[in-house]
Amino acid sequence: MSDWSDWNERRTHLIEAIGEFGKTAPETLKGFAALDSAAEKGGNLDAKTRELIAIAVAVTTRCDGCISVHAEAALKAGATKAEIAEALSVAVALNAGAAMVYSTRVMDAVNKATK
């Protein structure tokens, strides 16, 4: 892989690399494929909504591979840039919320340590 800033190249490389990994760990890849397939077959969310969720989760888990795959998939499913930006705004808020929640844990630890 020559350029990590080329998202199309990254996506192509990732798909090839996962295929190679699957040759060494076929049961792991089979399990992952089963999870991925099950998420697609829920029947209650349309493809665009699932991809918008995937993009937000990709940001919160900091997965560049997920970003490269699901950004393209979201566009193919009909998501607009504005919808993607809104999903990302939710991810930003959730990450800030998680930091706030964990900040209270630190303060609880500090309070216990000072008693």
Protein backbone atom coordinates (compact mmCIF):
# COMPACT_ATOMS: atom_id res chain seq x y z
CA MET A 1 0.00 0.00 0.00
CA SER A 2 1.62 3.17 -1.13
CA ASP A 3 -0.63 6.00 0.04
CA TRP A 4 -2.85 5.79 3.13
CA SER A 5 -4.59 9.01 2.10
CA ASP A 6 -6.04 7.34 -1.03
CA TRP A 7 -9.25 5.88 0.39
CA ASN A 8 -10.02 3.87 -2.75
CA GLU A 9 -6.58 2.25 -2.69
CA ARG A 10 -6.94 1.63 1.04
CA ARG A 11 -10.30 -0.08 0.53
CA THR A 12 -8.93 -2.29 -2.26
CA HIS A 13 -5.90 -3.23 -0.16
CA LEU A 14 -8.08 -3.96 2.87
CA ILE A 15 -10.34 -6.34 0.96
CA GLU A 16 -7.30 -8.19 -0.40
CA ALA A 17 -5.61 -8.28 3.00
CA ILE A 18 -8.72 -9.64 4.71
CA GLY A 19 -8.91 -12.34 2.04
CA GLU A 20 -5.31 -13.29 2.78
CA PHE A 21 -6.01 -13.30 6.53
CA GLY A 22 -8.97 -15.58 5.85
CA LYS A 23 -6.68 -18.13 4.21
CA THR A 24 -4.79 -18.44 7.49
CA ALA A 25 -7.78 -18.06 9.83
CA PRO A 26 -10.79 -19.25 7.82
CA GLU A 27 -13.06 -19.82 10.82
CA THR A 28 -12.47 -16.29 12.05
CA LEU A 29 -13.32 -14.86 8.64
CA LYS A 30 -16.37 -17.12 8.42
CA GLY A 31 -17.55 -15.86 11.81
CA PHE A 32 -17.03 -12.25 10.81
CA ALA A 33 -18.90 -12.81 7.54
CA ALA A 34 -21.79 -14.36 9.49
CA LEU A 35 -22.00 -11.32 11.78
CA ASP A 36 -21.85 -8.95 8.84
CA SER A 37 -24.54 -10.88 6.99
CA ALA A 38 -26.80 -11.00 10.03
CA ALA A 39 -26.56 -7.23 10.44
CA GLU A 40 -27.69 -6.76 6.84
CA LYS A 41 -30.69 -9.08 7.22
CA GLY A 42 -32.36 -7.44 10.19
CA GLY A 43 -35.20 -6.18 8.03
CA ASN A 44 -36.09 -3.13 10.10
CA LEU A 45 -33.53 -0.62 8.83
CA ASP A 46 -32.87 0.26 5.24
CA ALA A 47 -29.38 0.02 3.76
CA LYS A 48 -28.76 3.78 3.95
CA THR A 49 -29.62 3.92 7.66
CA ARG A 50 -27.40 0.90 8.40
CA GLU A 51 -24.50 2.53 6.53
CA LEU A 52 -24.96 5.83 8.36
CA ILE A 53 -24.81 3.93 11.65
CA ALA A 54 -21.73 2.07 10.41
CA ILE A 55 -19.98 5.35 9.58
CA ALA A 56 -20.72 6.77 13.03
CA VAL A 57 -19.47 3.59 14.69
CA ALA A 58 -16.37 3.61 12.46
CA VAL A 59 -15.55 7.05 13.81
CA THR A 60 -16.14 6.10 17.44
CA THR A 61 -14.00 2.96 17.07
CA ARG A 62 -11.39 4.81 14.97
CA CYS A 63 -11.42 2.19 12.19
CA ASP A 64 -9.96 3.56 8.94
CA GLY A 65 -10.84 0.36 7.12
CA CYS A 66 -14.47 0.68 8.22
CA ILE A 67 -14.50 4.31 7.11
CA SER A 68 -13.18 3.42 3.65
CA VAL A 69 -15.74 0.63 3.13
CA HIS A 70 -18.80 2.24 4.69
CA ALA A 71 -18.32 5.75 3.27
CA GLU A 72 -18.54 4.28 -0.22
CA ALA A 73 -21.41 1.97 0.76
CA ALA A 74 -23.37 4.87 2.28
CA LEU A 75 -23.07 6.87 -0.91
CA LYS A 76 -24.12 3.85 -2.98
CA ALA A 77 -27.12 3.40 -0.64
CA GLY A 78 -28.20 6.96 -1.39
CA ALA A 79 -26.84 8.87 1.60
CA THR A 80 -26.10 12.53 0.96
CA LYS A 81 -23.09 14.41 2.28
CA ALA A 82 -25.45 16.27 4.62
CA GLU A 83 -26.82 13.00 6.03
CA ILE A 84 -23.31 11.65 6.48
CA ALA A 85 -22.27 14.86 8.24
CA GLU A 86 -25.28 14.57 10.55
CA ALA A 87 -24.37 10.96 11.40
CA LEU A 88 -20.82 12.12 12.11
CA SER A 89 -22.16 14.89 14.34
CA VAL A 90 -23.93 12.22 16.39
CA ALA A 91 -20.63 10.30 16.62
CA VAL A 92 -18.83 13.43 17.81
CA ALA A 93 -21.49 14.07 20.45
CA LEU A 94 -21.39 10.46 21.65
CA ASN A 95 -17.61 10.54 21.96
CA ALA A 96 -17.87 13.76 23.96
CA GLY A 97 -20.59 12.17 26.08
CA ALA A 98 -18.43 9.14 26.75
CA ALA A 99 -15.59 11.41 27.85
CA MET A 100 -17.99 13.21 30.18
CA VAL A 101 -19.19 9.91 31.70
CA TYR A 102 -15.63 8.68 32.20
CA SER A 103 -14.69 12.03 33.70
CA THR A 104 -17.18 11.34 36.47
CA ARG A 105 -15.46 7.98 37.05
CA VAL A 106 -12.13 9.76 37.48
CA MET A 107 -13.67 12.19 39.92
CA ASP A 108 -15.22 9.26 41.84
CA ALA A 109 -11.75 7.67 42.04
CA VAL A 110 -10.23 10.97 43.17
CA ASN A 111 -12.92 11.41 45.81
CA LYS A 112 -12.35 7.87 47.13
CA ALA A 113 -8.58 8.42 47.20
CA THR A 114 -8.89 11.62 49.23
CA LYS A 115 -11.09 10.14 51.98
